[in-house]
Amino acid sequence: LNNTNITQKIAGEIIAKNKTEPVTVCKMLER
């Protein structure tokens, strides 16, 4: 999308399918 405002609305549409708050799981393996 070229229009910034519209971009954020479409991004919100896609992201809204997931949880509102971020979920981050970082793991440290041997390698």
PDB file of all heavy atoms in Angstrom:
ATOM      1  N   LEU A   1       0.829  -1.190   0.000  1.00  0.00           N
ATOM      2  CA  LEU A   1       0.000   0.000   0.000  1.00  0.00           C
ATOM      3  C   LEU A   1       0.866   1.244   0.000  1.00  0.00           C
ATOM      4  O   LEU A   1       1.879   1.309   0.686  1.00  0.00           O
ATOM      5  CB  LEU A   1      -0.923  -0.015   1.230  1.00  0.00           C
ATOM      6  CG  LEU A   1      -1.900  -1.199   1.270  1.00  0.00           C
ATOM      7  CD1 LEU A   1      -2.412  -1.389   2.680  1.00  0.00           C
ATOM      8  CD2 LEU A   1      -3.048  -0.958   0.328  1.00  0.00           C
ATOM      9  N   ASN A   2       0.437   2.264  -0.754  1.00  0.00           N
ATOM     10  CA  ASN A   2       1.205   3.485  -0.863  1.00  0.00           C
ATOM     11  C   ASN A   2       0.738   4.557   0.121  1.00  0.00           C
ATOM     12  O   ASN A   2       1.513   5.374   0.573  1.00  0.00           O
ATOM     13  CB  ASN A   2       1.124   4.055  -2.281  1.00  0.00           C
ATOM     14  CG  ASN A   2       1.803   3.133  -3.283  1.00  0.00           C
ATOM     15  OD1 ASN A   2       2.735   2.434  -2.926  1.00  0.00           O
ATOM     16  ND2 ASN A   2       1.331   3.131  -4.514  1.00  0.00           N
ATOM     17  N   ASN A   3      -0.552   4.566   0.428  1.00  0.00           N
ATOM     18  CA  ASN A   3      -1.100   5.556   1.331  1.00  0.00           C
ATOM     19  C   ASN A   3      -0.874   5.117   2.774  1.00  0.00           C
ATOM     20  O   ASN A   3      -1.321   4.051   3.187  1.00  0.00           O
ATOM     21  CB  ASN A   3      -2.601   5.732   1.054  1.00  0.00           C
ATOM     22  CG  ASN A   3      -3.200   6.839   1.907  1.00  0.00           C
ATOM     23  OD1 ASN A   3      -3.286   6.701   3.117  1.00  0.00           O
ATOM     24  ND2 ASN A   3      -3.606   7.916   1.256  1.00  0.00           N
ATOM     25  N   THR A   4      -0.163   5.917   3.564  1.00  0.00           N
ATOM     26  CA  THR A   4       0.234   5.493   4.909  1.00  0.00           C
ATOM     27  C   THR A   4      -0.947   5.200   5.803  1.00  0.00           C
ATOM     28  O   THR A   4      -0.983   4.191   6.504  1.00  0.00           O
ATOM     29  CB  THR A   4       1.107   6.586   5.558  1.00  0.00           C
ATOM     30  OG1 THR A   4       2.215   6.841   4.711  1.00  0.00           O
ATOM     31  CG2 THR A   4       1.601   6.122   6.929  1.00  0.00           C
ATOM     32  N   ASN A   5      -1.947   6.073   5.806  1.00  0.00           N
ATOM     33  CA  ASN A   5      -3.101   5.868   6.690  1.00  0.00           C
ATOM     34  C   ASN A   5      -3.839   4.578   6.360  1.00  0.00           C
ATOM     35  O   ASN A   5      -4.227   3.810   7.236  1.00  0.00           O
ATOM     36  CB  ASN A   5      -4.060   7.050   6.594  1.00  0.00           C
ATOM     37  CG  ASN A   5      -3.432   8.321   7.144  1.00  0.00           C
ATOM     38  OD1 ASN A   5      -2.596   8.257   8.037  1.00  0.00           O
ATOM     39  ND2 ASN A   5      -3.834   9.467   6.600  1.00  0.00           N
ATOM     40  N   ILE A   6      -4.031   4.349   5.064  1.00  0.00           N
ATOM     41  CA  ILE A   6      -4.734   3.135   4.645  1.00  0.00           C
ATOM     42  C   ILE A   6      -3.903   1.907   4.992  1.00  0.00           C
ATOM     43  O   ILE A   6      -4.422   0.883   5.412  1.00  0.00           O
ATOM     44  CB  ILE A   6      -5.011   3.174   3.137  1.00  0.00           C
ATOM     45  CG1 ILE A   6      -5.887   4.381   2.803  1.00  0.00           C
ATOM     46  CG2 ILE A   6      -5.689   1.896   2.667  1.00  0.00           C
ATOM     47  CD1 ILE A   6      -6.039   4.626   1.328  1.00  0.00           C
ATOM     48  N   THR A   7      -2.571   2.031   4.839  1.00  0.00           N
ATOM     49  CA  THR A   7      -1.690   0.910   5.177  1.00  0.00           C
ATOM     50  C   THR A   7      -1.897   0.467   6.609  1.00  0.00           C
ATOM     51  O   THR A   7      -2.013  -0.719   6.898  1.00  0.00           O
ATOM     52  CB  THR A   7      -0.215   1.315   4.995  1.00  0.00           C
ATOM     53  OG1 THR A   7      -0.031   1.792   3.678  1.00  0.00           O
ATOM     54  CG2 THR A   7       0.700   0.147   5.264  1.00  0.00           C
ATOM     55  N   GLN A   8      -1.938   1.407   7.523  1.00  0.00           N
ATOM     56  CA  GLN A   8      -2.090   1.058   8.926  1.00  0.00           C
ATOM     57  C   GLN A   8      -3.434   0.397   9.193  1.00  0.00           C
ATOM     58  O   GLN A   8      -3.547  -0.497  10.023  1.00  0.00           O
ATOM     59  CB  GLN A   8      -1.933   2.305   9.799  1.00  0.00           C
ATOM     60  CG  GLN A   8      -0.627   3.066   9.573  1.00  0.00           C
ATOM     61  CD  GLN A   8       0.569   2.137   9.452  1.00  0.00           C
ATOM     62  OE1 GLN A   8       0.797   1.325  10.332  1.00  0.00           O
ATOM     63  NE2 GLN A   8       1.325   2.263   8.364  1.00  0.00           N
ATOM     64  N   LYS A   9      -4.483   0.820   8.479  1.00  0.00           N
ATOM     65  CA  LYS A   9      -5.796   0.205   8.667  1.00  0.00           C
ATOM     66  C   LYS A   9      -5.799  -1.244   8.195  1.00  0.00           C
ATOM     67  O   LYS A   9      -6.327  -2.137   8.854  1.00  0.00           O
ATOM     68  CB  LYS A   9      -6.872   1.002   7.917  1.00  0.00           C
ATOM     69  CG  LYS A   9      -7.103   2.380   8.519  1.00  0.00           C
ATOM     70  CD  LYS A   9      -8.144   3.155   7.714  1.00  0.00           C
ATOM     71  CE  LYS A   9      -8.338   4.555   8.307  1.00  0.00           C
ATOM     72  NZ  LYS A   9      -9.316   5.336   7.526  1.00  0.00           N
ATOM     73  N   ILE A  10      -5.197  -1.469   7.022  1.00  0.00           N
ATOM     74  CA  ILE A  10      -5.131  -2.843   6.517  1.00  0.00           C
ATOM     75  C   ILE A  10      -4.250  -3.694   7.421  1.00  0.00           C
ATOM     76  O   ILE A  10      -4.562  -4.844   7.722  1.00  0.00           O
ATOM     77  CB  ILE A  10      -4.587  -2.866   5.075  1.00  0.00           C
ATOM     78  CG1 ILE A  10      -5.529  -2.071   4.153  1.00  0.00           C
ATOM     79  CG2 ILE A  10      -4.459  -4.297   4.581  1.00  0.00           C
ATOM     80  CD1 ILE A  10      -6.920  -2.640   4.076  1.00  0.00           C
ATOM     81  N   ALA A  11      -3.117  -3.145   7.873  1.00  0.00           N
ATOM     82  CA  ALA A  11      -2.255  -3.878   8.792  1.00  0.00           C
ATOM     83  C   ALA A  11      -3.023  -4.250  10.054  1.00  0.00           C
ATOM     84  O   ALA A  11      -2.914  -5.364  10.562  1.00  0.00           O
ATOM     85  CB  ALA A  11      -1.036  -3.032   9.154  1.00  0.00           C
ATOM     86  N   GLY A  12      -3.802  -3.297  10.549  1.00  0.00           N
ATOM     87  CA  GLY A  12      -4.613  -3.581  11.730  1.00  0.00           C
ATOM     88  C   GLY A  12      -5.608  -4.687  11.499  1.00  0.00           C
ATOM     89  O   GLY A  12      -5.870  -5.508  12.377  1.00  0.00           O
ATOM     90  N   GLU A  13      -6.185  -4.719  10.289  1.00  0.00           N
ATOM     91  CA  GLU A  13      -7.148  -5.770   9.960  1.00  0.00           C
ATOM     92  C   GLU A  13      -6.501  -7.152  10.063  1.00  0.00           C
ATOM     93  O   GLU A  13      -7.069  -8.088  10.608  1.00  0.00           O
ATOM     94  CB  GLU A  13      -7.677  -5.576   8.528  1.00  0.00           C
ATOM     95  CG  GLU A  13      -8.741  -4.514   8.417  1.00  0.00           C
ATOM     96  CD  GLU A  13     -10.031  -4.980   9.055  1.00  0.00           C
ATOM     97  OE1 GLU A  13     -10.458  -6.108   8.782  1.00  0.00           O
ATOM     98  OE2 GLU A  13     -10.602  -4.216   9.848  1.00  0.00           O
ATOM     99  N   ILE A  14      -5.286  -7.280   9.512  1.00  0.00           N
ATOM    100  CA  ILE A  14      -4.602  -8.575   9.516  1.00  0.00           C
ATOM    101  C   ILE A  14      -4.137  -8.931  10.924  1.00  0.00           C
ATOM    102  O   ILE A  14      -4.323 -10.051  11.393  1.00  0.00           O
ATOM    103  CB  ILE A  14      -3.402  -8.545   8.545  1.00  0.00           C
ATOM    104  CG1 ILE A  14      -3.920  -8.394   7.102  1.00  0.00           C
ATOM    105  CG2 ILE A  14      -2.546  -9.793   8.676  1.00  0.00           C
ATOM    106  CD1 ILE A  14      -2.826  -8.227   6.084  1.00  0.00           C
ATOM    107  N   ILE A  15      -3.545  -7.974  11.616  1.00  0.00           N
ATOM    108  CA  ILE A  15      -3.001  -8.250  12.942  1.00  0.00           C
ATOM    109  C   ILE A  15      -4.108  -8.501  13.952  1.00  0.00           C
ATOM    110  O   ILE A  15      -3.929  -9.216  14.928  1.00  0.00           O
ATOM    111  CB  ILE A  15      -2.089  -7.082  13.381  1.00  0.00           C
ATOM    112  CG1 ILE A  15      -0.855  -7.033  12.476  1.00  0.00           C
ATOM    113  CG2 ILE A  15      -1.671  -7.199  14.834  1.00  0.00           C
ATOM    114  CD1 ILE A  15      -0.019  -5.805  12.625  1.00  0.00           C
ATOM    115  N   ALA A  16      -5.287  -7.920  13.723  1.00  0.00           N
ATOM    116  CA  ALA A  16      -6.402  -8.071  14.662  1.00  0.00           C
ATOM    117  C   ALA A  16      -6.848  -9.517  14.815  1.00  0.00           C
ATOM    118  O   ALA A  16      -7.512  -9.861  15.782  1.00  0.00           O
ATOM    119  CB  ALA A  16      -7.581  -7.212  14.214  1.00  0.00           C
ATOM    120  N   LYS A  17      -6.494 -10.377  13.850  1.00  0.00           N
ATOM    121  CA  LYS A  17      -6.863 -11.780  13.954  1.00  0.00           C
ATOM    122  C   LYS A  17      -6.127 -12.463  15.105  1.00  0.00           C
ATOM    123  O   LYS A  17      -6.538 -13.517  15.563  1.00  0.00           O
ATOM    124  CB  LYS A  17      -6.537 -12.516  12.639  1.00  0.00           C
ATOM    125  CG  LYS A  17      -7.354 -12.036  11.464  1.00  0.00           C
ATOM    126  CD  LYS A  17      -7.061 -12.861  10.233  1.00  0.00           C
ATOM    127  CE  LYS A  17      -5.648 -12.704   9.754  1.00  0.00           C
ATOM    128  NZ  LYS A  17      -5.373 -13.444   8.517  1.00  0.00           N
ATOM    129  N   ASN A  18      -5.040 -11.854  15.546  1.00  0.00           N
ATOM    130  CA  ASN A  18      -4.250 -12.454  16.619  1.00  0.00           C
ATOM    131  C   ASN A  18      -4.519 -11.751  17.948  1.00  0.00           C
ATOM    132  O   ASN A  18      -5.361 -10.864  18.040  1.00  0.00           O
ATOM    133  CB  ASN A  18      -2.756 -12.370  16.273  1.00  0.00           C
ATOM    134  CG  ASN A  18      -2.436 -13.177  15.047  1.00  0.00           C
ATOM    135  OD1 ASN A  18      -2.167 -14.357  15.145  1.00  0.00           O
ATOM    136  ND2 ASN A  18      -2.477 -12.548  13.875  1.00  0.00           N
ATOM    137  N   LYS A  19      -3.798 -12.165  18.968  1.00  0.00           N
ATOM    138  CA  LYS A  19      -4.005 -11.586  20.284  1.00  0.00           C
ATOM    139  C   LYS A  19      -3.657 -10.099  20.281  1.00  0.00           C
ATOM    140  O   LYS A  19      -2.754  -9.664  19.600  1.00  0.00           O
ATOM    141  CB  LYS A  19      -3.134 -12.321  21.306  1.00  0.00           C
ATOM    142  CG  LYS A  19      -3.546 -13.769  21.510  1.00  0.00           C
ATOM    143  CD  LYS A  19      -2.686 -14.416  22.580  1.00  0.00           C
ATOM    144  CE  LYS A  19      -3.126 -15.860  22.807  1.00  0.00           C
ATOM    145  NZ  LYS A  19      -2.323 -16.520  23.850  1.00  0.00           N
ATOM    146  N   THR A  20      -4.380  -9.343  21.082  1.00  0.00           N
ATOM    147  CA  THR A  20      -4.163  -7.911  21.157  1.00  0.00           C
ATOM    148  C   THR A  20      -2.782  -7.600  21.713  1.00  0.00           C
ATOM    149  O   THR A  20      -2.063  -6.760  21.206  1.00  0.00           O
ATOM    150  CB  THR A  20      -5.234  -7.260  22.042  1.00  0.00           C
ATOM    151  OG1 THR A  20      -6.522  -7.589  21.528  1.00  0.00           O
ATOM    152  CG2 THR A  20      -5.068  -5.750  22.067  1.00  0.00           C
ATOM    153  N   GLU A  21      -2.412  -8.294  22.784  1.00  0.00           N
ATOM    154  CA  GLU A  21      -1.126  -8.044  23.405  1.00  0.00           C
ATOM    155  C   GLU A  21      -0.057  -8.961  22.792  1.00  0.00           C
ATOM    156  O   GLU A  21      -0.346 -10.069  22.386  1.00  0.00           O
ATOM    157  CB  GLU A  21      -1.215  -8.286  24.913  1.00  0.00           C
ATOM    158  CG  GLU A  21      -2.317  -7.510  25.600  1.00  0.00           C
ATOM    159  CD  GLU A  21      -2.202  -6.004  25.412  1.00  0.00           C
ATOM    160  OE1 GLU A  21      -1.216  -5.537  24.824  1.00  0.00           O
ATOM    161  OE2 GLU A  21      -3.114  -5.297  25.848  1.00  0.00           O
ATOM    162  N   PRO A  22       1.191  -8.487  22.746  1.00  0.00           N
ATOM    163  CA  PRO A  22       2.252  -9.301  22.146  1.00  0.00           C
ATOM    164  C   PRO A  22       2.565 -10.537  22.978  1.00  0.00           C
ATOM    165  O   PRO A  22       2.472 -10.519  24.200  1.00  0.00           O
ATOM    166  CB  PRO A  22       3.443  -8.343  22.097  1.00  0.00           C
ATOM    167  CG  PRO A  22       3.179  -7.361  23.183  1.00  0.00           C
ATOM    168  CD  PRO A  22       1.692  -7.187  23.224  1.00  0.00           C
ATOM    169  N   VAL A  23       2.919 -11.592  22.286  1.00  0.00           N
ATOM    170  CA  VAL A  23       3.381 -12.816  22.941  1.00  0.00           C
ATOM    171  C   VAL A  23       4.767 -13.119  22.384  1.00  0.00           C
ATOM    172  O   VAL A  23       4.924 -13.355  21.191  1.00  0.00           O
ATOM    173  CB  VAL A  23       2.424 -13.994  22.675  1.00  0.00           C
ATOM    174  CG1 VAL A  23       2.980 -15.256  23.311  1.00  0.00           C
ATOM    175  CG2 VAL A  23       1.040 -13.694  23.213  1.00  0.00           C
ATOM    176  N   THR A  24       5.768 -13.089  23.243  1.00  0.00           N
ATOM    177  CA  THR A  24       7.144 -13.322  22.818  1.00  0.00           C
ATOM    178  C   THR A  24       7.756 -14.438  23.651  1.00  0.00           C
ATOM    179  O   THR A  24       7.778 -14.356  24.879  1.00  0.00           O
ATOM    180  CB  THR A  24       7.994 -12.040  22.983  1.00  0.00           C
ATOM    181  OG1 THR A  24       7.374 -10.971  22.274  1.00  0.00           O
ATOM    182  CG2 THR A  24       9.396 -12.256  22.439  1.00  0.00           C
ATOM    183  N   VAL A  25       8.232 -15.470  22.973  1.00  0.00           N
ATOM    184  CA  VAL A  25       8.906 -16.577  23.649  1.00  0.00           C
ATOM    185  C   VAL A  25      10.295 -16.711  23.032  1.00  0.00           C
ATOM    186  O   VAL A  25      10.428 -17.105  21.871  1.00  0.00           O
ATOM    187  CB  VAL A  25       8.122 -17.893  23.506  1.00  0.00           C
ATOM    188  CG1 VAL A  25       8.887 -19.025  24.185  1.00  0.00           C
ATOM    189  CG2 VAL A  25       6.726 -17.757  24.101  1.00  0.00           C
ATOM    190  N   CYS A  26      11.311 -16.367  23.792  1.00  0.00           N
ATOM    191  CA  CYS A  26      12.691 -16.483  23.323  1.00  0.00           C
ATOM    192  C   CYS A  26      13.368 -17.644  24.043  1.00  0.00           C
ATOM    193  O   CYS A  26      13.289 -17.748  25.267  1.00  0.00           O
ATOM    194  CB  CYS A  26      13.455 -15.189  23.577  1.00  0.00           C
ATOM    195  SG  CYS A  26      12.883 -13.792  22.567  1.00  0.00           S
ATOM    196  N   LYS A  27      14.010 -18.511  23.273  1.00  0.00           N
ATOM    197  CA  LYS A  27      14.657 -19.686  23.846  1.00  0.00           C
ATOM    198  C   LYS A  27      16.128 -19.718  23.456  1.00  0.00           C
ATOM    199  O   LYS A  27      16.491 -19.358  22.336  1.00  0.00           O
ATOM    200  CB  LYS A  27      13.957 -20.964  23.366  1.00  0.00           C
ATOM    201  CG  LYS A  27      12.525 -21.090  23.858  1.00  0.00           C
ATOM    202  CD  LYS A  27      11.920 -22.431  23.439  1.00  0.00           C
ATOM    203  CE  LYS A  27      10.494 -22.558  23.952  1.00  0.00           C
ATOM    204  NZ  LYS A  27       9.890 -23.858  23.570  1.00  0.00           N
ATOM    205  N   MET A  28      16.943 -20.183  24.375  1.00  0.00           N
ATOM    206  CA  MET A  28      18.376 -20.315  24.142  1.00  0.00           C
ATOM    207  C   MET A  28      18.735 -21.796  24.178  1.00  0.00           C
ATOM    208  O   MET A  28      18.717 -22.424  25.240  1.00  0.00           O
ATOM    209  CB  MET A  28      19.167 -19.544  25.203  1.00  0.00           C
ATOM    210  CG  MET A  28      18.964 -18.039  25.123  1.00  0.00           C
ATOM    211  SD  MET A  28      19.885 -17.140  26.414  1.00  0.00           S
ATOM    212  CE  MET A  28      18.912 -17.588  27.854  1.00  0.00           C
ATOM    213  N   LEU A  29      19.021 -22.363  23.004  1.00  0.00           N
ATOM    214  CA  LEU A  29      19.421 -23.753  22.902  1.00  0.00           C
ATOM    215  C   LEU A  29      20.949 -23.838  22.860  1.00  0.00           C
ATOM    216  O   LEU A  29      21.644 -22.821  22.816  1.00  0.00           O
ATOM    217  CB  LEU A  29      18.804 -24.385  21.655  1.00  0.00           C
ATOM    218  CG  LEU A  29      17.278 -24.281  21.534  1.00  0.00           C
ATOM    219  CD1 LEU A  29      16.817 -24.942  20.236  1.00  0.00           C
ATOM    220  CD2 LEU A  29      16.583 -24.900  22.733  1.00  0.00           C
ATOM    221  N   GLU A  30      21.453 -25.050  22.836  1.00  0.00           N
ATOM    222  CA  GLU A  30      22.912 -25.224  22.828  1.00  0.00           C
ATOM    223  C   GLU A  30      23.556 -24.611  21.595  1.00  0.00           C
ATOM    224  O   GLU A  30      24.642 -24.037  21.662  1.00  0.00           O
ATOM    225  CB  GLU A  30      23.263 -26.712  22.897  1.00  0.00           C
ATOM    226  CG  GLU A  30      23.120 -27.334  24.269  1.00  0.00           C
ATOM    227  CD  GLU A  30      23.695 -28.733  24.305  1.00  0.00           C
ATOM    228  OE1 GLU A  30      23.029 -29.655  23.798  1.00  0.00           O
ATOM    229  OE2 GLU A  30      24.813 -28.906  24.827  1.00  0.00           O
ATOM    230  N   ARG A  31      22.887 -24.741  20.461  1.00  0.00           N
ATOM    231  CA  ARG A  31      23.492 -24.305  19.204  1.00  0.00           C
ATOM    232  C   ARG A  31      22.761 -23.135  18.544  1.00  0.00           C
ATOM    233  O   ARG A  31      23.203 -22.631  17.519  1.00  0.00           O
ATOM    234  CB  ARG A  31      23.539 -25.471  18.222  1.00  0.00           C
ATOM    235  CG  ARG A  31      24.713 -26.411  18.404  1.00  0.00           C
ATOM    236  CD  ARG A  31      26.044 -25.687  18.344  1.00  0.00           C
ATOM    237  NE  ARG A  31      27.117 -26.496  17.801  1.00  0.00           N
ATOM    238  CZ  ARG A  31      28.375 -26.112  17.710  1.00  0.00           C
ATOM    239  NH1 ARG A  31      28.716 -24.923  18.122  1.00  0.00           N
ATOM    240  NH2 ARG A  31      29.289 -26.908  17.204  1.00  0.00           N
TER     241      ARG A  31
END
